[in-house]
N, C-alpha and C. Protein backbone atom coordinates (compact mmCIF):
# COMPACT_ATOMS: atom_id res chain seq x y z
N MET A 1 -12.74 9.59 -0.34
CA MET A 1 -13.44 8.96 -1.67
C MET A 1 -14.34 7.37 -1.10
N ASN A 2 -14.88 7.05 -1.90
CA ASN A 2 -16.04 6.33 -1.98
C ASN A 2 -16.16 5.80 -3.42
N ARG A 3 -15.75 5.05 -4.06
CA ARG A 3 -16.61 4.98 -5.31
C ARG A 3 -16.38 3.79 -6.13
N VAL A 4 -17.10 3.25 -7.74
CA VAL A 4 -16.57 2.13 -8.02
C VAL A 4 -15.82 2.32 -9.06
N PHE A 5 -15.00 1.49 -9.14
CA PHE A 5 -14.31 1.61 -10.65
C PHE A 5 -13.97 0.24 -11.44
N GLU A 6 -13.87 0.36 -12.56
CA GLU A 6 -13.88 -1.23 -13.26
C GLU A 6 -12.09 -0.53 -13.26
N LEU A 7 -11.17 -1.89 -14.13
CA LEU A 7 -10.59 -1.80 -13.25
C LEU A 7 -9.33 -1.33 -14.31
N HIS A 8 -9.93 -0.53 -15.82
CA HIS A 8 -9.00 -0.40 -16.81
C HIS A 8 -9.19 1.05 -15.95
N GLU A 9 -9.36 1.87 -14.86
CA GLU A 9 -9.38 3.13 -14.47
C GLU A 9 -8.57 2.68 -13.28
N LEU A 10 -7.63 2.08 -13.43
CA LEU A 10 -6.67 1.63 -12.20
C LEU A 10 -5.77 3.07 -12.46
N ASP A 11 -4.94 3.48 -13.25
CA ASP A 11 -4.62 4.78 -13.45
C ASP A 11 -4.71 5.55 -12.76
N ASP A 12 -5.82 5.94 -13.34
CA ASP A 12 -6.76 6.97 -13.05
C ASP A 12 -7.42 6.82 -10.86
N VAL A 13 -7.95 6.00 -10.65
CA VAL A 13 -7.76 5.70 -9.20
C VAL A 13 -6.47 6.24 -8.68
N ALA A 14 -5.80 6.19 -8.88
CA ALA A 14 -4.27 5.52 -8.31
C ALA A 14 -3.99 7.14 -8.60
N MET A 15 -3.92 8.18 -8.47
CA MET A 15 -3.79 9.68 -9.66
C MET A 15 -4.20 9.96 -8.72
N SER A 16 -5.37 10.00 -8.77
CA SER A 16 -7.11 10.50 -7.29
C SER A 16 -6.20 10.31 -6.44
N LEU A 17 -5.81 9.26 -5.65
CA LEU A 17 -4.82 9.10 -4.20
C LEU A 17 -4.34 9.84 -4.15
N LEU A 18 -2.80 9.65 -5.07
CA LEU A 18 -1.93 10.55 -5.02
C LEU A 18 -2.19 12.38 -4.27
N LYS A 19 -3.12 12.59 -5.59
CA LYS A 19 -3.27 13.81 -5.35
C LYS A 19 -3.90 15.44 -4.09
N ASN A 20 -5.00 13.72 -4.19
CA ASN A 20 -5.89 13.91 -2.60
C ASN A 20 -5.53 14.05 -1.41
N PHE A 21 -5.08 12.73 -1.82
CA PHE A 21 -4.00 12.59 -0.23
C PHE A 21 -2.13 12.82 -0.22
N GLN A 22 -2.11 13.80 0.12
CA GLN A 22 -0.33 14.84 -0.33
C GLN A 22 -0.33 14.42 1.14
N ASP A 23 -0.82 14.43 2.45
CA ASP A 23 -0.75 14.56 3.00
C ASP A 23 -0.19 13.29 3.88
N LYS A 24 -0.73 12.55 3.06
CA LYS A 24 -0.08 10.80 3.35
C LYS A 24 1.09 10.34 3.17
N ARG A 25 1.47 9.45 3.62
CA ARG A 25 2.90 8.51 3.12
C ARG A 25 2.75 7.50 3.86
N ILE A 26 1.73 7.42 4.36
CA ILE A 26 1.95 5.17 4.72
C ILE A 26 -0.02 4.68 4.13
N PHE A 27 0.05 3.71 3.25
CA PHE A 27 -1.44 3.78 2.61
C PHE A 27 -1.49 2.15 2.87
N ALA A 28 -3.01 1.78 3.79
CA ALA A 28 -3.24 0.42 4.35
C ALA A 28 -4.16 -0.44 3.87
N PHE A 29 -4.25 -1.06 3.01
CA PHE A 29 -4.42 -1.53 2.26
C PHE A 29 -5.08 -2.84 2.59
N HIS A 30 -6.77 -2.49 3.22
CA HIS A 30 -7.05 -3.77 3.80
C HIS A 30 -8.51 -5.18 2.73
N ALA A 31 -8.53 -5.84 2.13
CA ALA A 31 -9.25 -5.79 1.30
C ALA A 31 -9.16 -7.60 1.46
N PRO A 32 -9.77 -8.28 0.51
CA PRO A 32 -9.86 -9.71 0.99
C PRO A 32 -8.87 -10.07 0.29
N MET A 33 -8.85 -11.54 -0.61
CA MET A 33 -7.37 -11.98 -1.19
C MET A 33 -7.81 -11.93 -2.33
N GLY A 34 -7.35 -11.74 -3.50
CA GLY A 34 -7.40 -11.35 -5.12
C GLY A 34 -8.57 -10.99 -4.92
N SER A 35 -8.15 -9.11 -4.71
CA SER A 35 -9.24 -8.00 -4.48
C SER A 35 -8.41 -6.93 -5.53
N GLY A 36 -7.13 -7.16 -5.71
CA GLY A 36 -5.97 -5.61 -6.48
C GLY A 36 -5.39 -5.18 -5.59
N LYS A 37 -5.15 -5.76 -4.36
CA LYS A 37 -4.19 -4.89 -3.16
C LYS A 37 -2.98 -4.31 -3.82
N THR A 38 -1.77 -6.16 -4.78
CA THR A 38 -1.48 -5.20 -5.54
C THR A 38 -1.17 -4.52 -6.09
N THR A 39 -2.55 -5.37 -7.11
CA THR A 39 -2.40 -4.15 -8.85
C THR A 39 -2.31 -2.69 -8.44
N LEU A 40 -3.13 -1.92 -7.74
CA LEU A 40 -3.68 -0.86 -7.07
C LEU A 40 -2.25 -0.08 -6.69
N ILE A 41 -1.52 -1.51 -5.84
CA ILE A 41 -0.04 -0.07 -5.41
C ILE A 41 0.94 -0.24 -6.59
N ALA A 42 0.81 -1.22 -7.33
CA ALA A 42 1.39 -1.53 -8.91
C ALA A 42 1.62 -0.10 -9.32
N ALA A 43 0.11 0.02 -9.97
CA ALA A 43 -0.32 1.85 -10.51
C ALA A 43 -0.23 2.30 -9.47
N LEU A 44 -0.12 2.76 -8.49
CA LEU A 44 0.86 4.07 -7.50
C LEU A 44 1.70 3.55 -7.41
N CYS A 45 2.58 2.52 -7.20
CA CYS A 45 3.57 2.86 -8.47
C CYS A 45 4.48 3.75 -9.48
N LYS A 46 3.41 3.20 -10.77
CA LYS A 46 3.91 3.44 -11.75
C LYS A 46 3.25 4.83 -11.61
N GLN A 47 2.71 5.66 -11.17
CA GLN A 47 1.98 6.91 -10.85
C GLN A 47 3.16 7.62 -9.64
N LEU A 48 3.89 7.63 -9.36
CA LEU A 48 5.14 8.11 -8.88
C LEU A 48 6.33 8.08 -9.67
N GLY A 49 6.64 7.43 -10.58
CA GLY A 49 7.94 7.27 -11.33
C GLY A 49 8.57 5.86 -11.10
N VAL A 50 7.85 4.74 -10.83
CA VAL A 50 8.81 3.79 -9.87
C VAL A 50 9.21 3.11 -11.81
N THR A 51 10.14 2.52 -11.81
CA THR A 51 10.14 1.89 -12.57
C THR A 51 10.48 0.24 -12.94
N ASP A 52 10.61 -0.42 -11.56
CA ASP A 52 10.86 -1.79 -11.08
C ASP A 52 9.40 -1.77 -11.36
N HIS A 53 9.27 -3.84 -11.44
CA HIS A 53 7.68 -4.41 -11.84
C HIS A 53 7.39 -4.69 -10.30
N PRO A 54 6.53 -3.98 -9.74
CA PRO A 54 5.88 -4.20 -7.99
C PRO A 54 5.71 -5.73 -8.33
N SER A 55 5.78 -6.29 -7.11
CA SER A 55 5.08 -7.44 -6.54
C SER A 55 4.83 -8.29 -5.79
N SER A 56 4.08 -8.57 -4.48
CA SER A 56 3.50 -8.70 -3.79
C SER A 56 5.01 -9.42 -2.92
N PRO A 57 5.33 -8.46 -1.94
CA PRO A 57 6.16 -9.16 -0.94
C PRO A 57 6.16 -9.47 -0.03
N THR A 58 4.94 -11.26 -0.72
CA THR A 58 4.22 -12.20 0.87
C THR A 58 5.54 -12.48 1.41
N PHE A 59 6.60 -12.96 0.49
CA PHE A 59 7.47 -14.03 1.99
C PHE A 59 8.84 -13.21 2.15
N SER A 60 9.40 -11.74 1.24
CA SER A 60 10.49 -10.83 2.08
C SER A 60 10.13 -10.04 3.11
N ILE A 61 8.25 -10.40 2.99
CA ILE A 61 7.40 -8.84 3.57
C ILE A 61 7.64 -7.44 3.18
N ILE A 62 9.43 -7.28 2.63
CA ILE A 62 9.36 -5.84 2.60
C ILE A 62 10.15 -5.70 0.56
N ASN A 63 9.36 -5.04 0.12
CA ASN A 63 10.07 -4.60 -1.14
C ASN A 63 10.72 -3.11 -1.01
N GLU A 64 11.85 -2.70 -1.64
CA GLU A 64 12.24 -1.96 -1.77
C GLU A 64 12.41 -1.43 -3.50
N TYR A 65 10.98 -0.22 -3.54
CA TYR A 65 11.78 -0.15 -5.50
C TYR A 65 12.11 1.74 -4.91
N ALA A 66 13.31 2.19 -5.47
CA ALA A 66 13.37 3.49 -6.36
C ALA A 66 13.32 4.41 -7.15
N LEU A 67 12.64 5.26 -6.36
CA LEU A 67 11.95 6.80 -6.69
C LEU A 67 13.04 7.83 -7.32
N THR A 68 13.61 7.62 -6.41
CA THR A 68 15.21 8.60 -7.00
C THR A 68 15.98 8.55 -6.50
N GLN A 69 17.45 8.97 -6.66
CA GLN A 69 18.67 8.52 -5.82
C GLN A 69 17.99 8.63 -3.73
N SER A 70 17.65 9.96 -3.61
CA SER A 70 17.43 10.12 -1.91
C SER A 70 16.13 9.12 -1.80
N HIS A 71 14.86 9.58 -2.50
CA HIS A 71 13.59 8.40 -2.19
C HIS A 71 13.86 6.80 -2.48
N SER A 72 12.44 6.32 -1.75
CA SER A 72 12.32 5.45 -2.35
C SER A 72 10.65 4.86 -1.72
N VAL A 73 10.43 3.48 -2.33
CA VAL A 73 9.18 3.02 -2.61
C VAL A 73 8.97 2.24 -1.55
N TYR A 74 8.29 2.13 -0.50
CA TYR A 74 8.09 0.63 0.59
C TYR A 74 6.77 -0.02 0.46
N HIS A 75 7.02 -1.38 0.08
CA HIS A 75 5.99 -2.00 -0.14
C HIS A 75 5.66 -3.00 1.00
N MET A 76 5.22 -3.65 1.35
CA MET A 76 5.07 -4.49 2.88
C MET A 76 3.76 -5.29 2.40
N ASP A 77 4.26 -6.46 2.72
CA ASP A 77 3.65 -7.77 2.66
C ASP A 77 3.16 -8.45 4.26
N TRP A 78 1.94 -8.16 5.17
CA TRP A 78 2.09 -7.74 6.73
C TRP A 78 1.56 -9.52 7.04
N TYR A 79 1.22 -10.42 5.71
CA TYR A 79 -0.09 -11.61 5.55
C TYR A 79 0.64 -12.70 6.55
N ARG A 80 1.69 -12.68 6.59
CA ARG A 80 2.39 -14.32 6.57
C ARG A 80 2.81 -13.74 8.52
N LEU A 81 2.64 -12.48 9.03
CA LEU A 81 4.11 -12.33 10.50
C LEU A 81 2.29 -12.97 11.12
N LYS A 82 3.03 -13.78 12.08
CA LYS A 82 2.41 -14.21 12.99
C LYS A 82 1.57 -13.38 14.38
N HIS A 83 3.49 -12.20 14.93
CA HIS A 83 3.55 -11.47 15.58
C HIS A 83 3.64 -10.29 16.03
N THR A 84 3.57 -9.10 16.11
CA THR A 84 3.84 -7.91 15.54
C THR A 84 6.03 -7.74 16.47
N GLU A 85 5.80 -8.55 16.81
CA GLU A 85 7.52 -8.54 16.98
C GLU A 85 8.20 -9.20 15.72
N ASP A 86 7.27 -10.58 14.84
CA ASP A 86 7.53 -10.23 14.21
C ASP A 86 8.20 -8.97 12.92
N ALA A 87 7.51 -7.86 12.88
CA ALA A 87 7.89 -7.16 12.12
C ALA A 87 8.30 -5.91 12.15
N ILE A 88 8.64 -6.08 13.65
CA ILE A 88 9.65 -5.10 14.57
C ILE A 88 11.21 -5.73 13.63
N GLU A 89 11.09 -7.57 13.59
CA GLU A 89 12.98 -8.41 14.08
C GLU A 89 12.60 -7.92 12.00
N ALA A 90 11.90 -7.88 11.14
CA ALA A 90 12.13 -7.53 9.90
C ALA A 90 12.40 -6.24 9.17
N GLY A 91 12.81 -5.35 10.43
CA GLY A 91 12.74 -3.86 9.61
C GLY A 91 11.55 -2.60 9.88
N VAL A 92 10.46 -3.48 10.16
CA VAL A 92 9.28 -2.88 9.45
C VAL A 92 9.25 -1.58 10.37
N GLN A 93 9.35 -1.38 11.24
CA GLN A 93 9.42 0.25 11.74
C GLN A 93 10.65 1.15 12.49
N ASP A 94 11.60 0.68 11.65
CA ASP A 94 12.19 1.63 10.92
C ASP A 94 11.63 2.29 10.21
N ILE A 95 11.20 1.32 8.99
CA ILE A 95 10.66 2.30 7.66
C ILE A 95 9.84 2.67 8.31
N LEU A 96 8.47 2.58 8.96
CA LEU A 96 7.64 3.27 9.50
C LEU A 96 8.11 4.51 10.03
N GLU A 97 9.46 5.07 10.34
CA GLU A 97 9.47 6.09 11.13
C GLU A 97 10.38 7.05 10.34
N MET A 98 10.60 6.13 8.84
CA MET A 98 11.33 7.41 7.55
C MET A 98 10.36 8.42 7.29
N GLN A 99 11.61 9.27 6.77
CA GLN A 99 10.87 10.76 6.39
C GLN A 99 10.72 10.19 4.44
N ASP A 100 9.93 11.06 4.22
CA ASP A 100 10.26 11.52 2.33
C ASP A 100 9.74 10.43 1.47
N VAL A 101 9.08 9.47 2.29
CA VAL A 101 9.32 7.84 1.86
C VAL A 101 8.17 7.34 1.46
N TYR A 102 7.04 6.80 0.28
CA TYR A 102 5.76 6.31 0.73
C TYR A 102 5.89 5.05 1.40
N ILE A 103 4.83 4.68 1.89
CA ILE A 103 4.74 3.14 2.26
C ILE A 103 3.15 2.23 2.22
N PHE A 104 3.20 1.78 1.07
CA PHE A 104 1.81 0.43 1.36
C PHE A 104 1.64 -0.64 1.39
N ILE A 105 0.86 -0.96 2.13
CA ILE A 105 1.15 -2.43 3.09
C ILE A 105 -0.21 -3.47 3.42
N GLU A 106 0.05 -4.41 2.61
CA GLU A 106 -1.22 -5.12 2.37
C GLU A 106 -0.85 -5.55 3.88
N TRP A 107 -2.15 -5.96 4.74
CA TRP A 107 -2.94 -6.74 5.44
C TRP A 107 -2.07 -6.45 6.66
N PRO A 108 -1.71 -4.80 6.45
CA PRO A 108 -1.46 -3.93 7.93
C PRO A 108 -2.65 -4.48 8.82
N GLU A 109 -3.96 -5.22 9.10
CA GLU A 109 -4.17 -5.79 10.47
C GLU A 109 -3.85 -6.31 11.02
N MET A 110 -2.30 -7.18 10.49
CA MET A 110 -1.69 -8.16 11.39
C MET A 110 -0.47 -7.10 12.30
N ALA A 111 -0.50 -5.85 12.40
CA ALA A 111 0.83 -5.78 13.27
C ALA A 111 -0.15 -4.10 13.51
N ALA A 112 -1.51 -3.38 13.78
CA ALA A 112 -1.49 -2.40 13.47
C ALA A 112 -1.23 -1.54 14.51
N GLU A 113 -1.03 -2.12 15.33
CA GLU A 113 -0.32 -1.47 16.46
C GLU A 113 0.63 -0.26 15.96
N LEU A 114 1.03 -1.03 14.99
CA LEU A 114 2.77 -0.72 14.34
C LEU A 114 2.52 1.08 14.06
N LEU A 115 1.33 1.22 13.52
CA LEU A 115 0.16 2.40 12.52
C LEU A 115 -0.05 3.42 13.42
N GLN A 116 -0.13 2.77 14.95
CA GLN A 116 -1.12 4.13 15.66
C GLN A 116 -0.46 5.33 15.76
N GLY A 117 -1.00 6.70 15.74
CA GLY A 117 0.00 7.42 15.78
C GLY A 117 0.45 7.95 14.21
N LEU A 118 0.61 7.53 13.23
CA LEU A 118 1.16 7.66 11.91
C LEU A 118 0.06 7.75 11.01
N PRO A 119 0.67 9.12 9.98
CA PRO A 119 -0.44 9.51 9.33
C PRO A 119 -0.27 8.87 8.35
N VAL A 120 -2.07 7.64 8.55
CA VAL A 120 -2.13 6.82 7.41
C VAL A 120 -3.19 6.64 6.66
N LEU A 121 -3.54 6.79 5.53
CA LEU A 121 -4.28 6.52 4.22
C LEU A 121 -4.89 4.48 4.91
N HIS A 122 -6.11 4.58 5.39
CA HIS A 122 -6.68 3.35 4.90
C HIS A 122 -7.58 3.14 3.78
N ILE A 123 -6.82 2.58 3.19
CA ILE A 123 -8.33 2.09 1.94
C ILE A 123 -8.83 0.71 1.54
N GLN A 124 -10.08 0.76 1.65
CA GLN A 124 -10.79 -0.61 1.56
C GLN A 124 -10.65 -1.04 0.17
N LEU A 125 -10.23 -1.58 -0.21
CA LEU A 125 -11.21 -2.28 -1.79
C LEU A 125 -12.11 -3.57 -1.53
N GLU A 126 -13.71 -3.34 -2.40
CA GLU A 126 -13.89 -4.50 -1.67
C GLU A 126 -14.55 -5.23 -3.97
N LEU A 127 -14.52 -6.14 -3.80
CA LEU A 127 -15.09 -6.75 -4.96
C LEU A 127 -16.17 -6.72 -5.73
N VAL A 128 -16.43 -6.60 -6.31
CA VAL A 128 -18.10 -6.80 -6.74
C VAL A 128 -17.78 -7.23 -7.90
N ASP A 129 -17.36 -6.99 -8.92
CA ASP A 129 -17.67 -8.09 -9.83
C ASP A 129 -16.42 -8.48 -10.31
N GLU A 130 -16.22 -9.40 -11.60
CA GLU A 130 -14.66 -9.49 -11.98
C GLU A 130 -14.29 -8.37 -12.76
N LEU A 131 -15.24 -7.25 -12.89
CA LEU A 131 -13.90 -6.25 -13.92
C LEU A 131 -14.51 -4.70 -12.43
N LYS A 132 -15.28 -5.10 -12.07
CA LYS A 132 -15.28 -3.66 -10.69
C LYS A 132 -14.65 -3.59 -8.97
N ARG A 133 -14.66 -3.07 -9.12
CA ARG A 133 -13.51 -3.06 -7.12
C ARG A 133 -14.02 -1.14 -6.92
N ARG A 134 -14.83 -1.71 -5.50
CA ARG A 134 -15.26 -0.35 -4.66
C ARG A 134 -13.98 0.38 -4.15
N ILE A 135 -13.88 1.23 -3.39
CA ILE A 135 -13.09 1.55 -2.92
C ILE A 135 -13.40 2.94 -2.07
N VAL A 136 -13.39 2.23 -0.91
CA VAL A 136 -13.44 3.55 0.25
C VAL A 136 -11.69 4.09 1.17
N THR A 137 -12.35 5.43 1.70
CA THR A 137 -11.00 5.70 2.29
C THR A 137 -11.61 6.09 3.53
N GLU A 138 -10.27 6.66 4.41
CA GLU A 138 -10.45 7.10 5.65
C GLU A 138 -9.23 7.66 6.80
């Protein structure tokens, strides 16, 4: 996917990501601060049926949102990690090994080696202007 979208199209973008990348369970968001990572994650959660209001887990590192009794969505923010060991101590590695969960990661570059060999969809968000973003997936 490589497209420019307006902010009012977020739900459509989220639906498209989930539909077109059904084989991925881990989404890694690469983007500068203020570009809309958390907002897009909230739209993805909404499309998945999460009823909680997603917020960035900047200080807690991991937020869990119940999807069903047996499935969850994990929202991680690795911005404050100093080392990969910090992520491991926070329980990130255990969550990455879980099956049948969605994992959304902001600032994945802070512990990128933990994602090697996993089914990760890398999403680059770019600020085009105040109301538009470019999304590129790989």
